[in-house]
Amino acid sequence: MKNRLEQIRKQRGIRQEDLAAALEVSRQTIGSLENGRYNPSITLAFKIARYFGLQIEEIFIYEEERP
């Protein structure tokens, strides 16, 4: 799943460490999310969206795989 997390975070001048602390996850989790190596749980996706005051769909882009 693609996402705009890094772009949104940087636009708002928030460090990975600060976002991680606010969401109660590790900085490595934030880095993995931004690099697309990890997809968030639905709970974490909601926390991220709520933190930024956005809808989940504004941060995370779901693309269905084509057969």
PDB file of N, CA and C in Angstrom:
ATOM      1  N   MET A   1       0.844  -1.165   0.000  1.00  0.00           N
ATOM      2  CA  MET A   1       0.000   0.000   0.000  1.00  0.00           C
ATOM      3  C   MET A   1       0.897   1.238   0.000  1.00  0.00           C
ATOM      4  N   LYS A   2       0.595   2.160  -0.885  1.00  0.00           N
ATOM      5  CA  LYS A   2       1.353   3.404  -0.945  1.00  0.00           C
ATOM      6  C   LYS A   2       0.790   4.376   0.081  1.00  0.00           C
ATOM      7  N   ASN A   3       1.618   5.359   0.447  1.00  0.00           N
ATOM      8  CA  ASN A   3       1.130   6.364   1.384  1.00  0.00           C
ATOM      9  C   ASN A   3       1.868   7.681   1.184  1.00  0.00           C
ATOM     10  N   ARG A   4       1.291   8.723   1.761  1.00  0.00           N
ATOM     11  CA  ARG A   4       1.859  10.074   1.694  1.00  0.00           C
ATOM     12  C   ARG A   4       2.381  10.510   3.056  1.00  0.00           C
ATOM     13  N   LEU A   5       2.654   9.563   3.929  1.00  0.00           N
ATOM     14  CA  LEU A   5       3.015   9.884   5.303  1.00  0.00           C
ATOM     15  C   LEU A   5       4.262  10.771   5.383  1.00  0.00           C
ATOM     16  N   GLU A   6       5.317  10.404   4.690  1.00  0.00           N
ATOM     17  CA  GLU A   6       6.555  11.189   4.753  1.00  0.00           C
ATOM     18  C   GLU A   6       6.319  12.612   4.250  1.00  0.00           C
ATOM     19  N   GLN A   7       5.617  12.732   3.139  1.00  0.00           N
ATOM     20  CA  GLN A   7       5.326  14.041   2.555  1.00  0.00           C
ATOM     21  C   GLN A   7       4.537  14.916   3.537  1.00  0.00           C
ATOM     22  N   ILE A   8       3.503  14.361   4.123  1.00  0.00           N
ATOM     23  CA  ILE A   8       2.668  15.110   5.064  1.00  0.00           C
ATOM     24  C   ILE A   8       3.460  15.483   6.309  1.00  0.00           C
ATOM     25  N   ARG A   9       4.233  14.541   6.816  1.00  0.00           N
ATOM     26  CA  ARG A   9       5.038  14.786   8.021  1.00  0.00           C
ATOM     27  C   ARG A   9       6.032  15.913   7.790  1.00  0.00           C
ATOM     28  N   LYS A  10       6.740  15.874   6.662  1.00  0.00           N
ATOM     29  CA  LYS A  10       7.740  16.891   6.367  1.00  0.00           C
ATOM     30  C   LYS A  10       7.103  18.255   6.119  1.00  0.00           C
ATOM     31  N   GLN A  11       5.953  18.280   5.445  1.00  0.00           N
ATOM     32  CA  GLN A  11       5.252  19.547   5.208  1.00  0.00           C
ATOM     33  C   GLN A  11       4.915  20.244   6.515  1.00  0.00           C
ATOM     34  N   ARG A  12       4.666  19.471   7.536  1.00  0.00           N
ATOM     35  CA  ARG A  12       4.269  20.023   8.837  1.00  0.00           C
ATOM     36  C   ARG A  12       5.444  20.183   9.797  1.00  0.00           C
ATOM     37  N   GLY A  13       6.638  19.852   9.304  1.00  0.00           N
ATOM     38  CA  GLY A  13       7.849  20.042  10.105  1.00  0.00           C
ATOM     39  C   GLY A  13       7.934  19.139  11.322  1.00  0.00           C
ATOM     40  N   ILE A  14       7.445  17.916  11.183  1.00  0.00           N
ATOM     41  CA  ILE A  14       7.444  16.966  12.294  1.00  0.00           C
ATOM     42  C   ILE A  14       8.530  15.919  12.050  1.00  0.00           C
ATOM     43  N   ARG A  15       9.350  15.681  13.063  1.00  0.00           N
ATOM     44  CA  ARG A  15      10.397  14.659  12.955  1.00  0.00           C
ATOM     45  C   ARG A  15       9.792  13.274  13.157  1.00  0.00           C
ATOM     46  N   GLN A  16      10.446  12.267  12.572  1.00  0.00           N
ATOM     47  CA  GLN A  16       9.997  10.884  12.752  1.00  0.00           C
ATOM     48  C   GLN A  16       9.911  10.535  14.229  1.00  0.00           C
ATOM     49  N   GLU A  17      10.889  10.966  14.998  1.00  0.00           N
ATOM     50  CA  GLU A  17      10.932  10.655  16.427  1.00  0.00           C
ATOM     51  C   GLU A  17       9.714  11.225  17.156  1.00  0.00           C
ATOM     52  N   ASP A  18       9.334  12.449  16.798  1.00  0.00           N
ATOM     53  CA  ASP A  18       8.207  13.100  17.463  1.00  0.00           C
ATOM     54  C   ASP A  18       6.877  12.445  17.081  1.00  0.00           C
ATOM     55  N   LEU A  19       6.745  12.089  15.822  1.00  0.00           N
ATOM     56  CA  LEU A  19       5.533  11.395  15.379  1.00  0.00           C
ATOM     57  C   LEU A  19       5.433  10.036  16.058  1.00  0.00           C
ATOM     58  N   ALA A  20       6.547   9.327  16.117  1.00  0.00           N
ATOM     59  CA  ALA A  20       6.572   8.016  16.761  1.00  0.00           C
ATOM     60  C   ALA A  20       6.150   8.123  18.225  1.00  0.00           C
ATOM     61  N   ALA A  21       6.669   9.118  18.921  1.00  0.00           N
ATOM     62  CA  ALA A  21       6.325   9.296  20.334  1.00  0.00           C
ATOM     63  C   ALA A  21       4.836   9.596  20.491  1.00  0.00           C
ATOM     64  N   ALA A  22       4.299  10.439  19.627  1.00  0.00           N
ATOM     65  CA  ALA A  22       2.883  10.804  19.712  1.00  0.00           C
ATOM     66  C   ALA A  22       1.978   9.599  19.452  1.00  0.00           C
ATOM     67  N   LEU A  23       2.428   8.695  18.578  1.00  0.00           N
ATOM     68  CA  LEU A  23       1.622   7.532  18.201  1.00  0.00           C
ATOM     69  C   LEU A  23       1.952   6.298  19.047  1.00  0.00           C
ATOM     70  N   GLU A  24       2.940   6.435  19.923  1.00  0.00           N
ATOM     71  CA  GLU A  24       3.376   5.336  20.786  1.00  0.00           C
ATOM     72  C   GLU A  24       3.873   4.130  19.987  1.00  0.00           C
ATOM     73  N   VAL A  25       4.691   4.419  18.976  1.00  0.00           N
ATOM     74  CA  VAL A  25       5.365   3.379  18.186  1.00  0.00           C
ATOM     75  C   VAL A  25       6.838   3.767  18.102  1.00  0.00           C
ATOM     76  N   SER A  26       7.658   2.901  17.530  1.00  0.00           N
ATOM     77  CA  SER A  26       9.083   3.217  17.393  1.00  0.00           C
ATOM     78  C   SER A  26       9.325   4.090  16.158  1.00  0.00           C
ATOM     79  N   ARG A  27      10.477   4.764  16.158  1.00  0.00           N
ATOM     80  CA  ARG A  27      10.859   5.556  14.988  1.00  0.00           C
ATOM     81  C   ARG A  27      11.034   4.634  13.785  1.00  0.00           C
ATOM     82  N   GLN A  28      11.503   3.406  14.051  1.00  0.00           N
ATOM     83  CA  GLN A  28      11.679   2.434  12.964  1.00  0.00           C
ATOM     84  C   GLN A  28      10.347   2.096  12.311  1.00  0.00           C
ATOM     85  N   THR A  29       9.280   2.050  13.101  1.00  0.00           N
ATOM     86  CA  THR A  29       7.950   1.784  12.536  1.00  0.00           C
ATOM     87  C   THR A  29       7.557   2.900  11.578  1.00  0.00           C
ATOM     88  N   ILE A  30       7.804   4.145  11.975  1.00  0.00           N
ATOM     89  CA  ILE A  30       7.483   5.282  11.105  1.00  0.00           C
ATOM     90  C   ILE A  30       8.297   5.194   9.812  1.00  0.00           C
ATOM     91  N   GLY A  31       9.584   4.900   9.938  1.00  0.00           N
ATOM     92  CA  GLY A  31      10.436   4.759   8.756  1.00  0.00           C
ATOM     93  C   GLY A  31       9.959   3.645   7.843  1.00  0.00           C
ATOM     94  N   SER A  32       9.578   2.530   8.424  1.00  0.00           N
ATOM     95  CA  SER A  32       9.087   1.400   7.618  1.00  0.00           C
ATOM     96  C   SER A  32       7.772   1.739   6.920  1.00  0.00           C
ATOM     97  N   LEU A  33       6.905   2.454   7.607  1.00  0.00           N
ATOM     98  CA  LEU A  33       5.649   2.893   6.980  1.00  0.00           C
ATOM     99  C   LEU A  33       5.939   3.812   5.801  1.00  0.00           C
ATOM    100  N   GLU A  34       6.821   4.783   6.019  1.00  0.00           N
ATOM    101  CA  GLU A  34       7.134   5.750   4.961  1.00  0.00           C
ATOM    102  C   GLU A  34       7.783   5.097   3.751  1.00  0.00           C
ATOM    103  N   ASN A  35       8.564   4.051   3.982  1.00  0.00           N
ATOM    104  CA  ASN A  35       9.253   3.369   2.881  1.00  0.00           C
ATOM    105  C   ASN A  35       8.425   2.258   2.254  1.00  0.00           C
ATOM    106  N   GLY A  36       7.212   2.058   2.758  1.00  0.00           N
ATOM    107  CA  GLY A  36       6.338   1.045   2.183  1.00  0.00           C
ATOM    108  C   GLY A  36       6.700  -0.377   2.551  1.00  0.00           C
ATOM    109  N   ARG A  37       7.552  -0.555   3.561  1.00  0.00           N
ATOM    110  CA  ARG A  37       7.937  -1.904   3.982  1.00  0.00           C
ATOM    111  C   ARG A  37       6.939  -2.489   4.974  1.00  0.00           C
ATOM    112  N   TYR A  38       6.044  -1.654   5.472  1.00  0.00           N
ATOM    113  CA  TYR A  38       5.116  -2.086   6.514  1.00  0.00           C
ATOM    114  C   TYR A  38       3.779  -1.400   6.293  1.00  0.00           C
ATOM    115  N   ASN A  39       2.707  -2.157   6.354  1.00  0.00           N
ATOM    116  CA  ASN A  39       1.363  -1.590   6.289  1.00  0.00           C
ATOM    117  C   ASN A  39       0.818  -1.503   7.713  1.00  0.00           C
ATOM    118  N   PRO A  40       0.217  -0.369   8.049  1.00  0.00           N
ATOM    119  CA  PRO A  40      -0.254  -0.197   9.421  1.00  0.00           C
ATOM    120  C   PRO A  40      -1.489  -1.031   9.720  1.00  0.00           C
ATOM    121  N   SER A  41      -1.672  -1.340  11.000  1.00  0.00           N
ATOM    122  CA  SER A  41      -2.941  -1.935  11.418  1.00  0.00           C
ATOM    123  C   SER A  41      -4.010  -0.866  11.216  1.00  0.00           C
ATOM    124  N   ILE A  42      -5.254  -1.260  11.205  1.00  0.00           N
ATOM    125  CA  ILE A  42      -6.329  -0.284  11.049  1.00  0.00           C
ATOM    126  C   ILE A  42      -6.320   0.705  12.211  1.00  0.00           C
ATOM    127  N   THR A  43      -5.981   0.226  13.403  1.00  0.00           N
ATOM    128  CA  THR A  43      -5.912   1.105  14.572  1.00  0.00           C
ATOM    129  C   THR A  43      -4.829   2.163  14.389  1.00  0.00           C
ATOM    130  N   LEU A  44      -3.651   1.749  13.935  1.00  0.00           N
ATOM    131  CA  LEU A  44      -2.563   2.699  13.733  1.00  0.00           C
ATOM    132  C   LEU A  44      -2.900   3.668  12.598  1.00  0.00           C
ATOM    133  N   ALA A  45      -3.527   3.182  11.540  1.00  0.00           N
ATOM    134  CA  ALA A  45      -3.929   4.066  10.445  1.00  0.00           C
ATOM    135  C   ALA A  45      -4.882   5.153  10.951  1.00  0.00           C
ATOM    136  N   PHE A  46      -5.828   4.779  11.798  1.00  0.00           N
ATOM    137  CA  PHE A  46      -6.747   5.762  12.377  1.00  0.00           C
ATOM    138  C   PHE A  46      -6.000   6.754  13.267  1.00  0.00           C
ATOM    139  N   LYS A  47      -5.046   6.264  14.059  1.00  0.00           N
ATOM    140  CA  LYS A  47      -4.273   7.152  14.933  1.00  0.00           C
ATOM    141  C   LYS A  47      -3.499   8.180  14.120  1.00  0.00           C
ATOM    142  N   ILE A  48      -2.882   7.713  13.035  1.00  0.00           N
ATOM    143  CA  ILE A  48      -2.111   8.607  12.168  1.00  0.00           C
ATOM    144  C   ILE A  48      -3.027   9.653  11.541  1.00  0.00           C
ATOM    145  N   ALA A  49      -4.144   9.208  11.001  1.00  0.00           N
ATOM    146  CA  ALA A  49      -5.088  10.136  10.373  1.00  0.00           C
ATOM    147  C   ALA A  49      -5.594  11.161  11.384  1.00  0.00           C
ATOM    148  N   ARG A  50      -5.948  10.703  12.559  1.00  0.00           N
ATOM    149  CA  ARG A  50      -6.451  11.601  13.605  1.00  0.00           C
ATOM    150  C   ARG A  50      -5.371  12.596  14.028  1.00  0.00           C
ATOM    151  N   TYR A  51      -4.138  12.144  14.137  1.00  0.00           N
ATOM    152  CA  TYR A  51      -3.024  13.015  14.530  1.00  0.00           C
ATOM    153  C   TYR A  51      -2.893  14.189  13.553  1.00  0.00           C
ATOM    154  N   PHE A  52      -3.016  13.889  12.251  1.00  0.00           N
ATOM    155  CA  PHE A  52      -2.864  14.927  11.238  1.00  0.00           C
ATOM    156  C   PHE A  52      -4.177  15.644  10.905  1.00  0.00           C
ATOM    157  N   GLY A  53      -5.285  15.175  11.459  1.00  0.00           N
ATOM    158  CA  GLY A  53      -6.575  15.787  11.166  1.00  0.00           C
ATOM    159  C   GLY A  53      -7.035  15.515   9.744  1.00  0.00           C
ATOM    160  N   LEU A  54      -6.695  14.326   9.246  1.00  0.00           N
ATOM    161  CA  LEU A  54      -7.031  13.941   7.874  1.00  0.00           C
ATOM    162  C   LEU A  54      -7.830  12.648   7.878  1.00  0.00           C
ATOM    163  N   GLN A  55      -8.386  12.315   6.726  1.00  0.00           N
ATOM    164  CA  GLN A  55      -9.037  11.030   6.530  1.00  0.00           C
ATOM    165  C   GLN A  55      -7.949  10.004   6.183  1.00  0.00           C
ATOM    166  N   ILE A  56      -8.188   8.762   6.533  1.00  0.00           N
ATOM    167  CA  ILE A  56      -7.221   7.700   6.218  1.00  0.00           C
ATOM    168  C   ILE A  56      -6.879   7.699   4.728  1.00  0.00           C
ATOM    169  N   GLU A  57      -7.896   7.886   3.893  1.00  0.00           N
ATOM    170  CA  GLU A  57      -7.701   7.843   2.439  1.00  0.00           C
ATOM    171  C   GLU A  57      -6.824   8.994   1.930  1.00  0.00           C
ATOM    172  N   GLU A  58      -6.665  10.040   2.716  1.00  0.00           N
ATOM    173  CA  GLU A  58      -5.805  11.149   2.320  1.00  0.00           C
ATOM    174  C   GLU A  58      -4.336  10.835   2.581  1.00  0.00           C
ATOM    175  N   ILE A  59      -4.073   9.818   3.366  1.00  0.00           N
ATOM    176  CA  ILE A  59      -2.703   9.438   3.704  1.00  0.00           C
ATOM    177  C   ILE A  59      -2.303   8.134   3.017  1.00  0.00           C
ATOM    178  N   PHE A  60      -3.192   7.150   3.081  1.00  0.00           N
ATOM    179  CA  PHE A  60      -2.901   5.822   2.558  1.00  0.00           C
ATOM    180  C   PHE A  60      -3.667   5.584   1.263  1.00  0.00           C
ATOM    181  N   ILE A  61      -2.954   5.083   0.255  1.00  0.00           N
ATOM    182  CA  ILE A  61      -3.542   4.839  -1.065  1.00  0.00           C
ATOM    183  C   ILE A  61      -3.584   3.337  -1.306  1.00  0.00           C
ATOM    184  N   TYR A  62      -4.808   2.805  -1.326  1.00  0.00           N
ATOM    185  CA  TYR A  62      -4.975   1.377  -1.560  1.00  0.00           C
ATOM    186  C   TYR A  62      -5.154   1.135  -3.054  1.00  0.00           C
ATOM    187  N   GLU A  63      -4.325   0.268  -3.602  1.00  0.00           N
ATOM    188  CA  GLU A  63      -4.429  -0.104  -5.011  1.00  0.00           C
ATOM    189  C   GLU A  63      -4.637  -1.604  -5.084  1.00  0.00           C
ATOM    190  N   GLU A  64      -5.723  -2.012  -5.686  1.00  0.00           N
ATOM    191  CA  GLU A  64      -5.994  -3.443  -5.813  1.00  0.00           C
ATOM    192  C   GLU A  64      -5.033  -4.040  -6.814  1.00  0.00           C
ATOM    193  N   GLU A  65      -4.585  -5.243  -6.492  1.00  0.00           N
ATOM    194  CA  GLU A  65      -3.709  -5.966  -7.416  1.00  0.00           C
ATOM    195  C   GLU A  65      -4.541  -6.527  -8.554  1.00  0.00           C
ATOM    196  N   ARG A  66      -4.024  -6.384  -9.748  1.00  0.00           N
ATOM    197  CA  ARG A  66      -4.731  -6.911 -10.905  1.00  0.00           C
ATOM    198  C   ARG A  66      -4.210  -8.293 -11.235  1.00  0.00           C
ATOM    199  N   PRO A  67      -5.109  -9.213 -11.580  1.00  0.00           N
ATOM    200  CA  PRO A  67      -4.661 -10.588 -11.894  1.00  0.00           C
ATOM    201  C   PRO A  67      -3.841 -10.663 -13.166  1.00  0.00           C
TER     202      PRO A  67
END
